[in-house]
N, C-alpha and C. Protein backbone atom coordinates (compact mmCIF):
# COMPACT_ATOMS: atom_id res chain seq x y z
N MET A 1 200.51 93.66 118.27
CA MET A 1 200.88 92.56 117.38
C MET A 1 199.74 92.26 116.42
N ARG A 2 200.03 92.32 115.14
CA ARG A 2 199.02 92.00 114.14
C ARG A 2 199.24 90.56 113.68
N THR A 3 198.65 89.64 114.46
CA THR A 3 198.81 88.22 114.19
C THR A 3 197.46 87.55 114.05
N GLY A 4 197.46 86.42 113.37
CA GLY A 4 196.23 85.65 113.21
C GLY A 4 196.55 84.17 113.14
N LYS A 5 195.60 83.36 113.57
CA LYS A 5 195.73 81.90 113.51
C LYS A 5 194.42 81.32 113.03
N GLU A 6 194.52 80.27 112.25
CA GLU A 6 193.32 79.60 111.76
C GLU A 6 193.61 78.11 111.60
N THR A 7 192.65 77.30 112.03
CA THR A 7 192.70 75.86 111.85
C THR A 7 191.43 75.43 111.14
N ARG A 8 191.59 74.56 110.16
CA ARG A 8 190.44 74.07 109.40
C ARG A 8 190.60 72.56 109.25
N LYS A 9 189.54 71.83 109.61
CA LYS A 9 189.57 70.37 109.49
C LYS A 9 188.29 69.92 108.80
N THR A 10 188.46 69.23 107.69
CA THR A 10 187.33 68.65 106.95
C THR A 10 187.63 67.18 106.69
N ASN A 11 186.73 66.51 106.00
CA ASN A 11 186.97 65.13 105.62
C ASN A 11 188.07 65.01 104.57
N GLU A 12 188.42 66.15 103.94
CA GLU A 12 189.42 66.15 102.86
C GLU A 12 190.76 66.73 103.27
N THR A 13 190.74 67.66 104.23
CA THR A 13 191.99 68.35 104.59
C THR A 13 192.05 68.68 106.08
N GLU A 14 193.28 68.95 106.50
CA GLU A 14 193.52 69.50 107.84
C GLU A 14 194.59 70.57 107.67
N VAL A 15 194.24 71.82 108.00
CA VAL A 15 195.12 72.95 107.75
C VAL A 15 195.29 73.76 109.04
N SER A 16 196.52 74.17 109.31
CA SER A 16 196.81 75.05 110.43
C SER A 16 197.73 76.17 109.92
N ILE A 17 197.33 77.43 110.18
CA ILE A 17 198.08 78.58 109.69
C ILE A 17 198.24 79.60 110.80
N SER A 18 199.43 80.20 110.87
CA SER A 18 199.63 81.38 111.72
C SER A 18 200.38 82.41 110.88
N ILE A 19 200.05 83.68 111.13
CA ILE A 19 200.61 84.78 110.34
C ILE A 19 200.91 85.96 111.25
N ASP A 20 202.01 86.63 110.96
CA ASP A 20 202.38 87.88 111.63
C ASP A 20 202.63 88.90 110.53
N LEU A 21 201.74 89.88 110.42
CA LEU A 21 201.86 90.87 109.35
C LEU A 21 203.08 91.76 109.50
N ASP A 22 203.64 91.85 110.70
CA ASP A 22 204.79 92.71 110.95
C ASP A 22 206.04 91.88 111.19
N GLY A 23 206.13 90.78 110.46
CA GLY A 23 207.25 89.87 110.63
C GLY A 23 208.48 90.27 109.83
N LYS A 24 209.34 89.29 109.63
CA LYS A 24 210.62 89.49 108.94
C LYS A 24 210.71 88.67 107.66
N GLY A 25 209.60 88.04 107.26
CA GLY A 25 209.63 87.23 106.04
C GLY A 25 210.02 85.79 106.29
N LYS A 26 209.93 85.36 107.54
CA LYS A 26 210.27 83.97 107.88
C LYS A 26 209.08 83.07 107.58
N SER A 27 209.37 81.85 107.13
CA SER A 27 208.28 80.93 106.84
C SER A 27 208.65 79.51 107.23
N ASP A 28 207.62 78.78 107.58
CA ASP A 28 207.73 77.34 107.85
C ASP A 28 206.51 76.72 107.17
N ILE A 29 206.71 76.23 105.96
CA ILE A 29 205.61 75.78 105.11
C ILE A 29 205.74 74.30 104.83
N ASN A 30 204.68 73.55 105.13
CA ASN A 30 204.67 72.11 104.84
C ASN A 30 203.25 71.72 104.44
N THR A 31 203.00 71.75 103.13
CA THR A 31 201.66 71.43 102.62
C THR A 31 201.59 70.07 101.95
N GLY A 32 202.75 69.44 101.75
CA GLY A 32 202.78 68.20 100.99
C GLY A 32 202.84 68.43 99.48
N ILE A 33 202.84 69.71 99.07
CA ILE A 33 202.89 70.08 97.65
C ILE A 33 204.13 70.95 97.47
N GLY A 34 205.21 70.37 97.01
CA GLY A 34 206.50 71.04 96.96
C GLY A 34 206.49 72.37 96.23
N PHE A 35 205.87 72.42 95.07
CA PHE A 35 205.87 73.67 94.30
C PHE A 35 205.09 74.75 95.04
N PHE A 36 203.97 74.38 95.65
CA PHE A 36 203.17 75.35 96.40
C PHE A 36 203.92 75.84 97.63
N ASP A 37 204.65 74.95 98.31
CA ASP A 37 205.47 75.36 99.45
C ASP A 37 206.44 76.46 99.02
N HIS A 38 207.08 76.25 97.87
CA HIS A 38 208.04 77.22 97.35
C HIS A 38 207.36 78.57 97.10
N MET A 39 206.18 78.56 96.50
CA MET A 39 205.47 79.81 96.21
C MET A 39 205.07 80.54 97.50
N MET A 40 204.62 79.80 98.51
CA MET A 40 204.21 80.42 99.77
C MET A 40 205.43 80.98 100.52
N GLU A 41 206.58 80.33 100.39
CA GLU A 41 207.81 80.86 100.98
C GLU A 41 208.18 82.19 100.32
N LEU A 42 208.03 82.25 98.98
CA LEU A 42 208.29 83.50 98.26
C LEU A 42 207.32 84.59 98.71
N LEU A 43 206.05 84.24 98.85
CA LEU A 43 205.03 85.19 99.29
C LEU A 43 205.41 85.78 100.65
N ALA A 44 205.78 84.91 101.59
CA ALA A 44 206.13 85.37 102.94
C ALA A 44 207.36 86.28 102.90
N PHE A 45 208.38 85.87 102.15
CA PHE A 45 209.61 86.66 102.08
C PHE A 45 209.35 88.04 101.49
N HIS A 46 208.68 88.08 100.35
CA HIS A 46 208.45 89.36 99.67
C HIS A 46 207.38 90.21 100.36
N GLY A 47 206.50 89.56 101.12
CA GLY A 47 205.51 90.29 101.89
C GLY A 47 206.01 90.72 103.26
N GLN A 48 207.23 90.25 103.63
CA GLN A 48 207.81 90.53 104.93
C GLN A 48 206.84 90.18 106.05
N LEU A 49 206.16 89.04 105.87
CA LEU A 49 205.29 88.54 106.93
C LEU A 49 205.80 87.17 107.35
N ASP A 50 205.65 86.87 108.63
CA ASP A 50 206.01 85.55 109.13
C ASP A 50 204.81 84.64 108.93
N LEU A 51 205.07 83.47 108.36
CA LEU A 51 203.98 82.59 107.95
C LEU A 51 204.33 81.14 108.26
N SER A 52 203.43 80.48 108.96
CA SER A 52 203.58 79.06 109.23
C SER A 52 202.34 78.35 108.70
N ILE A 53 202.56 77.32 107.89
CA ILE A 53 201.45 76.54 107.33
C ILE A 53 201.78 75.07 107.43
N THR A 54 200.87 74.31 108.03
CA THR A 54 200.94 72.87 108.02
C THR A 54 199.63 72.37 107.43
N ALA A 55 199.73 71.50 106.44
CA ALA A 55 198.51 70.98 105.80
C ALA A 55 198.68 69.52 105.44
N LYS A 56 197.60 68.78 105.62
CA LYS A 56 197.50 67.40 105.16
C LYS A 56 196.21 67.33 104.37
N GLY A 57 196.29 66.79 103.18
CA GLY A 57 195.09 66.73 102.36
C GLY A 57 195.04 65.48 101.52
N ASP A 58 193.96 65.36 100.78
CA ASP A 58 193.74 64.19 99.93
C ASP A 58 194.51 64.34 98.62
N LEU A 59 195.82 64.40 98.74
CA LEU A 59 196.68 64.60 97.57
C LEU A 59 196.68 63.39 96.65
N ASN A 60 196.16 62.28 97.12
CA ASN A 60 195.99 61.12 96.24
C ASN A 60 194.92 61.39 95.19
N VAL A 61 194.04 62.35 95.47
CA VAL A 61 193.01 62.77 94.50
C VAL A 61 193.64 63.80 93.56
N ASP A 62 193.99 64.96 94.11
CA ASP A 62 194.73 66.03 93.42
C ASP A 62 195.02 67.11 94.45
N THR A 63 195.49 68.26 94.00
CA THR A 63 195.87 69.33 94.94
C THR A 63 194.74 70.32 95.24
N HIS A 64 193.63 70.20 94.54
CA HIS A 64 192.57 71.21 94.60
C HIS A 64 192.09 71.48 96.02
N HIS A 65 191.64 70.44 96.74
CA HIS A 65 191.06 70.65 98.07
C HIS A 65 192.08 71.25 99.03
N THR A 66 193.30 70.75 98.99
CA THR A 66 194.33 71.23 99.91
C THR A 66 194.65 72.70 99.65
N VAL A 67 194.87 73.05 98.40
CA VAL A 67 195.23 74.43 98.05
C VAL A 67 194.08 75.39 98.35
N GLU A 68 192.86 75.00 98.01
CA GLU A 68 191.72 75.87 98.29
C GLU A 68 191.54 76.08 99.79
N ASP A 69 191.67 75.01 100.57
CA ASP A 69 191.48 75.14 102.02
C ASP A 69 192.61 75.96 102.66
N ILE A 70 193.80 75.88 102.09
CA ILE A 70 194.88 76.76 102.57
C ILE A 70 194.53 78.21 102.25
N GLY A 71 193.99 78.47 101.07
CA GLY A 71 193.56 79.82 100.72
C GLY A 71 192.50 80.35 101.65
N LEU A 72 191.51 79.51 101.97
CA LEU A 72 190.45 79.90 102.90
C LEU A 72 191.03 80.23 104.28
N SER A 73 191.89 79.36 104.77
CA SER A 73 192.48 79.54 106.11
C SER A 73 193.42 80.73 106.15
N PHE A 74 194.20 80.91 105.09
CA PHE A 74 195.11 82.06 104.99
C PHE A 74 194.31 83.36 105.00
N GLY A 75 193.21 83.40 104.26
CA GLY A 75 192.36 84.58 104.22
C GLY A 75 191.78 84.91 105.59
N LYS A 76 191.32 83.89 106.31
CA LYS A 76 190.74 84.12 107.64
C LYS A 76 191.80 84.59 108.63
N ALA A 77 192.98 83.98 108.60
CA ALA A 77 194.05 84.39 109.51
C ALA A 77 194.52 85.81 109.18
N PHE A 78 194.59 86.13 107.90
CA PHE A 78 194.98 87.47 107.46
C PHE A 78 193.98 88.51 107.95
N LEU A 79 192.69 88.24 107.80
CA LEU A 79 191.65 89.16 108.25
C LEU A 79 191.71 89.36 109.76
N GLN A 80 191.92 88.27 110.47
CA GLN A 80 192.05 88.36 111.93
C GLN A 80 193.24 89.23 112.31
N ALA A 81 194.37 89.05 111.62
CA ALA A 81 195.58 89.82 111.93
C ALA A 81 195.40 91.31 111.66
N LEU A 82 194.55 91.66 110.71
CA LEU A 82 194.31 93.07 110.38
C LEU A 82 193.55 93.81 111.48
N GLY A 83 192.81 93.08 112.29
CA GLY A 83 192.04 93.72 113.36
C GLY A 83 191.01 94.67 112.79
N ASP A 84 190.97 95.92 113.30
CA ASP A 84 189.96 96.88 112.83
C ASP A 84 190.40 97.61 111.55
N LYS A 85 191.60 97.31 111.06
CA LYS A 85 192.15 97.87 109.81
C LYS A 85 192.44 99.37 109.89
N LYS A 86 192.34 99.94 111.06
CA LYS A 86 192.56 101.38 111.21
C LYS A 86 193.98 101.74 110.80
N GLY A 87 194.07 102.73 109.92
CA GLY A 87 195.35 103.26 109.51
C GLY A 87 196.08 102.52 108.40
N ILE A 88 195.55 101.36 107.97
CA ILE A 88 196.27 100.64 106.91
C ILE A 88 196.17 101.41 105.59
N ASN A 89 197.15 101.21 104.75
CA ASN A 89 197.19 101.86 103.45
C ASN A 89 195.98 101.47 102.60
N ARG A 90 195.51 100.25 102.77
CA ARG A 90 194.33 99.68 102.12
C ARG A 90 194.57 99.26 100.68
N TYR A 91 195.00 100.16 99.83
CA TYR A 91 195.21 99.86 98.41
C TYR A 91 196.68 99.56 98.13
N SER A 92 196.92 98.80 97.09
CA SER A 92 198.28 98.66 96.59
C SER A 92 198.25 98.07 95.19
N TYR A 93 199.32 98.31 94.48
CA TYR A 93 199.50 97.69 93.17
C TYR A 93 200.99 97.52 92.93
N ILE A 94 201.31 96.53 92.16
CA ILE A 94 202.71 96.30 91.82
C ILE A 94 202.80 95.58 90.49
N TYR A 95 203.80 95.94 89.73
CA TYR A 95 204.20 95.20 88.54
C TYR A 95 205.47 94.45 88.95
N LEU A 96 205.50 93.15 88.69
CA LEU A 96 206.68 92.40 89.09
C LEU A 96 207.18 91.52 87.95
N PRO A 97 208.44 91.71 87.55
CA PRO A 97 209.01 90.87 86.50
C PRO A 97 209.69 89.63 87.09
N MET A 98 209.71 88.58 86.31
CA MET A 98 210.53 87.40 86.60
C MET A 98 211.06 86.95 85.25
N ASP A 99 212.26 87.36 84.94
CA ASP A 99 212.86 87.12 83.63
C ASP A 99 211.93 87.65 82.53
N GLU A 100 211.42 86.79 81.66
CA GLU A 100 210.58 87.24 80.54
C GLU A 100 209.13 87.50 80.94
N ALA A 101 208.74 87.12 82.14
CA ALA A 101 207.34 87.24 82.59
C ALA A 101 207.13 88.55 83.36
N LEU A 102 205.99 89.16 83.14
CA LEU A 102 205.61 90.37 83.87
C LEU A 102 204.17 90.23 84.33
N SER A 103 203.95 90.44 85.62
CA SER A 103 202.60 90.33 86.18
C SER A 103 202.25 91.58 86.97
N ARG A 104 200.96 91.85 87.03
CA ARG A 104 200.43 93.00 87.76
C ARG A 104 199.47 92.49 88.83
N ILE A 105 199.66 92.97 90.05
CA ILE A 105 198.78 92.64 91.17
C ILE A 105 198.22 93.95 91.70
N VAL A 106 196.90 94.04 91.80
CA VAL A 106 196.24 95.23 92.34
C VAL A 106 195.25 94.75 93.39
N LEU A 107 195.27 95.37 94.57
CA LEU A 107 194.32 94.91 95.59
C LEU A 107 193.80 96.06 96.43
N ASP A 108 192.65 95.78 97.03
CA ASP A 108 191.96 96.72 97.90
C ASP A 108 191.41 95.93 99.07
N ILE A 109 191.92 96.19 100.26
CA ILE A 109 191.38 95.54 101.46
C ILE A 109 190.15 96.32 101.85
N SER A 110 189.06 96.02 101.17
CA SER A 110 187.87 96.86 101.15
C SER A 110 186.70 96.34 101.98
N GLY A 111 186.74 95.06 102.35
CA GLY A 111 185.56 94.45 102.95
C GLY A 111 184.63 93.87 101.89
N ARG A 112 185.03 94.00 100.62
CA ARG A 112 184.23 93.48 99.51
C ARG A 112 185.06 92.47 98.72
N PRO A 113 184.80 91.19 98.88
CA PRO A 113 185.60 90.19 98.18
C PRO A 113 185.28 90.12 96.70
N TYR A 114 186.33 90.09 95.90
CA TYR A 114 186.17 89.92 94.46
C TYR A 114 187.52 89.51 93.89
N THR A 115 187.51 88.63 92.92
CA THR A 115 188.75 88.17 92.31
C THR A 115 188.66 88.23 90.80
N VAL A 116 189.68 88.82 90.19
CA VAL A 116 189.91 88.72 88.75
C VAL A 116 191.27 88.07 88.61
N TYR A 117 191.33 86.96 87.89
CA TYR A 117 192.58 86.20 87.74
C TYR A 117 192.78 85.88 86.27
N ASN A 118 193.79 86.48 85.68
CA ASN A 118 194.12 86.24 84.28
C ASN A 118 195.57 85.80 84.18
N ALA A 119 195.76 84.50 84.14
CA ALA A 119 197.09 83.93 83.95
C ALA A 119 196.91 82.69 83.09
N ASN A 120 197.27 82.80 81.84
CA ASN A 120 197.09 81.69 80.91
C ASN A 120 198.31 80.79 80.91
N LEU A 121 198.27 79.81 81.78
CA LEU A 121 199.37 78.86 81.88
C LEU A 121 199.17 77.76 80.85
N THR A 122 200.26 77.29 80.30
CA THR A 122 200.17 76.32 79.21
C THR A 122 200.33 74.88 79.66
N HIS A 123 200.83 74.67 80.88
CA HIS A 123 201.04 73.31 81.38
C HIS A 123 199.95 72.95 82.39
N TYR A 124 199.54 71.69 82.36
CA TYR A 124 198.53 71.20 83.30
C TYR A 124 199.04 71.23 84.73
N LYS A 125 200.34 70.94 84.89
CA LYS A 125 200.94 70.92 86.22
C LYS A 125 202.24 71.69 86.23
N LEU A 126 202.53 72.26 87.40
CA LEU A 126 203.85 72.82 87.69
C LEU A 126 204.35 72.03 88.89
N GLY A 127 205.42 71.29 88.70
CA GLY A 127 205.85 70.38 89.74
C GLY A 127 204.75 69.37 89.98
N ASP A 128 204.29 69.30 91.20
CA ASP A 128 203.23 68.36 91.56
C ASP A 128 201.88 69.05 91.79
N MET A 129 201.74 70.26 91.27
CA MET A 129 200.51 71.05 91.50
C MET A 129 199.80 71.35 90.20
N GLU A 130 198.49 71.10 90.18
CA GLU A 130 197.68 71.43 89.02
C GLU A 130 197.61 72.95 88.87
N SER A 131 197.81 73.43 87.66
CA SER A 131 197.83 74.87 87.39
C SER A 131 196.52 75.55 87.75
N GLN A 132 195.40 74.86 87.60
CA GLN A 132 194.10 75.46 87.92
C GLN A 132 193.95 75.76 89.42
N SER A 133 194.73 75.10 90.25
CA SER A 133 194.60 75.30 91.70
C SER A 133 195.08 76.68 92.15
N PHE A 134 195.93 77.34 91.36
CA PHE A 134 196.39 78.68 91.74
C PHE A 134 195.21 79.65 91.83
N LYS A 135 194.35 79.61 90.84
CA LYS A 135 193.16 80.49 90.85
C LYS A 135 192.30 80.20 92.07
N GLU A 136 192.14 78.93 92.42
CA GLU A 136 191.33 78.55 93.58
C GLU A 136 191.93 79.13 94.87
N PHE A 137 193.25 79.11 94.97
CA PHE A 137 193.91 79.67 96.16
C PHE A 137 193.61 81.16 96.29
N PHE A 138 193.82 81.91 95.21
CA PHE A 138 193.64 83.36 95.27
C PHE A 138 192.17 83.74 95.49
N THR A 139 191.26 83.00 94.87
CA THR A 139 189.83 83.26 95.06
C THR A 139 189.42 82.99 96.50
N ALA A 140 189.88 81.88 97.05
CA ALA A 140 189.55 81.54 98.44
C ALA A 140 190.11 82.60 99.39
N PHE A 141 191.35 83.03 99.16
CA PHE A 141 191.94 84.07 100.00
C PHE A 141 191.10 85.35 99.94
N ALA A 142 190.78 85.81 98.73
CA ALA A 142 190.03 87.06 98.57
C ALA A 142 188.67 86.97 99.26
N ASN A 143 188.00 85.84 99.12
CA ASN A 143 186.68 85.67 99.73
C ASN A 143 186.74 85.77 101.24
N GLU A 144 187.70 85.08 101.85
CA GLU A 144 187.75 85.04 103.31
C GLU A 144 188.41 86.28 103.92
N SER A 145 189.29 86.93 103.19
CA SER A 145 189.92 88.15 103.72
C SER A 145 189.12 89.39 103.36
N LYS A 146 188.07 89.19 102.55
CA LYS A 146 187.20 90.28 102.10
C LYS A 146 188.01 91.36 101.36
N THR A 147 188.82 90.86 100.43
CA THR A 147 189.72 91.70 99.65
C THR A 147 189.33 91.66 98.18
N THR A 148 189.38 92.80 97.52
CA THR A 148 189.26 92.85 96.07
C THR A 148 190.65 92.62 95.51
N LEU A 149 190.78 91.60 94.65
CA LEU A 149 192.09 91.18 94.17
C LEU A 149 192.07 91.01 92.66
N HIS A 150 192.94 91.74 91.98
CA HIS A 150 193.09 91.62 90.53
C HIS A 150 194.50 91.13 90.24
N ILE A 151 194.58 90.00 89.57
CA ILE A 151 195.86 89.40 89.20
C ILE A 151 195.88 89.24 87.70
N GLU A 152 196.92 89.76 87.06
CA GLU A 152 197.03 89.60 85.61
C GLU A 152 198.48 89.37 85.23
N ASN A 153 198.71 88.26 84.53
CA ASN A 153 200.00 88.08 83.90
C ASN A 153 199.93 88.80 82.56
N ILE A 154 200.75 89.80 82.39
CA ILE A 154 200.71 90.62 81.18
C ILE A 154 201.36 89.89 80.02
N TYR A 155 202.50 89.25 80.28
CA TYR A 155 203.12 88.38 79.28
C TYR A 155 204.14 87.48 79.95
N GLY A 156 204.54 86.46 79.24
CA GLY A 156 205.53 85.51 79.73
C GLY A 156 205.40 84.20 78.98
N ASP A 157 206.49 83.47 78.90
CA ASP A 157 206.50 82.19 78.19
C ASP A 157 206.64 81.00 79.12
N ASN A 158 207.35 81.18 80.22
CA ASN A 158 207.66 80.09 81.12
C ASN A 158 206.66 80.10 82.28
N ASP A 159 205.88 79.03 82.41
CA ASP A 159 204.84 78.98 83.45
C ASP A 159 205.40 79.16 84.85
N HIS A 160 206.57 78.59 85.11
CA HIS A 160 207.19 78.75 86.43
C HIS A 160 207.47 80.23 86.70
N HIS A 161 208.01 80.91 85.72
CA HIS A 161 208.31 82.34 85.88
C HIS A 161 207.03 83.16 86.06
N ILE A 162 205.99 82.79 85.32
CA ILE A 162 204.71 83.50 85.42
C ILE A 162 204.14 83.41 86.84
N ILE A 163 204.04 82.19 87.36
CA ILE A 163 203.48 82.00 88.70
C ILE A 163 204.38 82.61 89.77
N GLU A 164 205.68 82.51 89.57
CA GLU A 164 206.60 83.11 90.55
C GLU A 164 206.43 84.63 90.57
N SER A 165 206.27 85.24 89.42
CA SER A 165 206.06 86.70 89.39
C SER A 165 204.76 87.07 90.09
N ILE A 166 203.75 86.22 89.96
CA ILE A 166 202.47 86.48 90.62
C ILE A 166 202.60 86.37 92.13
N PHE A 167 203.22 85.32 92.63
CA PHE A 167 203.32 85.14 94.08
C PHE A 167 204.23 86.20 94.72
N LYS A 168 205.35 86.51 94.08
CA LYS A 168 206.21 87.57 94.62
C LYS A 168 205.47 88.91 94.62
N GLY A 169 204.79 89.19 93.52
CA GLY A 169 204.03 90.43 93.42
C GLY A 169 202.90 90.50 94.44
N PHE A 170 202.22 89.38 94.65
CA PHE A 170 201.15 89.32 95.63
C PHE A 170 201.69 89.61 97.03
N GLY A 171 202.83 89.01 97.37
CA GLY A 171 203.44 89.28 98.67
C GLY A 171 203.77 90.75 98.84
N ARG A 172 204.37 91.35 97.82
CA ARG A 172 204.75 92.76 97.91
C ARG A 172 203.53 93.68 97.94
N ALA A 173 202.47 93.29 97.23
CA ALA A 173 201.24 94.09 97.27
C ALA A 173 200.60 94.01 98.66
N LEU A 174 200.60 92.83 99.27
CA LEU A 174 200.07 92.70 100.63
C LEU A 174 200.86 93.57 101.60
N LYS A 175 202.19 93.53 101.47
CA LYS A 175 203.06 94.33 102.36
C LYS A 175 202.68 95.81 102.29
N GLU A 176 202.48 96.31 101.08
CA GLU A 176 202.15 97.73 100.90
C GLU A 176 200.74 98.05 101.43
N ALA A 177 199.80 97.16 101.20
CA ALA A 177 198.41 97.42 101.59
C ALA A 177 198.21 97.41 103.10
N VAL A 178 198.96 96.57 103.83
CA VAL A 178 198.77 96.47 105.28
C VAL A 178 199.62 97.47 106.06
N LYS A 179 200.48 98.20 105.35
CA LYS A 179 201.34 99.18 106.00
C LYS A 179 200.47 100.23 106.70
N ILE A 180 200.83 100.56 107.93
CA ILE A 180 200.13 101.59 108.68
C ILE A 180 200.64 102.95 108.18
N THR A 181 199.73 103.76 107.63
CA THR A 181 200.13 105.04 107.05
C THR A 181 199.46 106.24 107.72
N SER A 182 198.51 105.99 108.60
CA SER A 182 197.85 107.10 109.30
C SER A 182 197.16 106.56 110.55
N ASP A 183 196.43 107.41 111.23
CA ASP A 183 195.65 106.96 112.38
C ASP A 183 194.17 106.91 112.05
N LYS A 184 193.84 107.00 110.75
CA LYS A 184 192.45 107.01 110.31
C LYS A 184 192.14 105.79 109.45
N THR A 185 190.89 105.40 109.47
CA THR A 185 190.42 104.35 108.58
C THR A 185 190.32 104.93 107.18
N GLN A 186 190.87 104.25 106.21
CA GLN A 186 190.96 104.77 104.84
C GLN A 186 189.65 104.53 104.07
N SER A 187 188.58 105.12 104.57
CA SER A 187 187.26 105.03 103.91
C SER A 187 186.38 106.17 104.39
N THR A 188 185.64 106.76 103.46
CA THR A 188 184.69 107.80 103.85
C THR A 188 183.56 107.24 104.70
N LYS A 189 183.36 105.92 104.64
CA LYS A 189 182.33 105.27 105.45
C LYS A 189 182.75 105.13 106.90
N GLY A 190 184.06 105.21 107.14
CA GLY A 190 184.57 105.07 108.50
C GLY A 190 184.90 103.65 108.90
N VAL A 191 184.59 102.70 108.03
CA VAL A 191 184.89 101.28 108.30
C VAL A 191 185.33 100.62 107.00
N LEU A 192 186.11 99.57 107.15
CA LEU A 192 186.50 98.74 106.01
C LEU A 192 185.97 97.33 106.23
């Protein structure tokens, strides 16, 4: 079973996450941020991973701390679920359209965290979530999962469609990267 659990409690947030990389795409998401819940449900469905997230945060301030701490916890649980990473595909890329929007997600579960995020959203908020918080989520995930992650919205007019294409694409890229494709570690170094 490739599963992971992470709990994080600070003065600003309380987050609990469980993940099953070999799930069916089931999710139980309750972050207090409706739009983010929707995006995480899409991620779980398209990534075919089972994901449970419960979060309470200082949403009276804004969504930044809650979303970032979910990213940190998700990254740690994901890394735990990967175990020794033996046999995983490691790399993946996907282009994903959502109506007029097209986004590209490329990742490498390399042990080297790095994030490139290019999505020029025009609205300050989507639903009840600040647009800048999306970058914080992906950066936090990449740092804690030790993944190189490149996200680029190639074009699009509707911010909802842009972010939805990114989250669906991210889920599908994760699914491809964690797929077991051999009995060997996919690195000349012998470790990831």
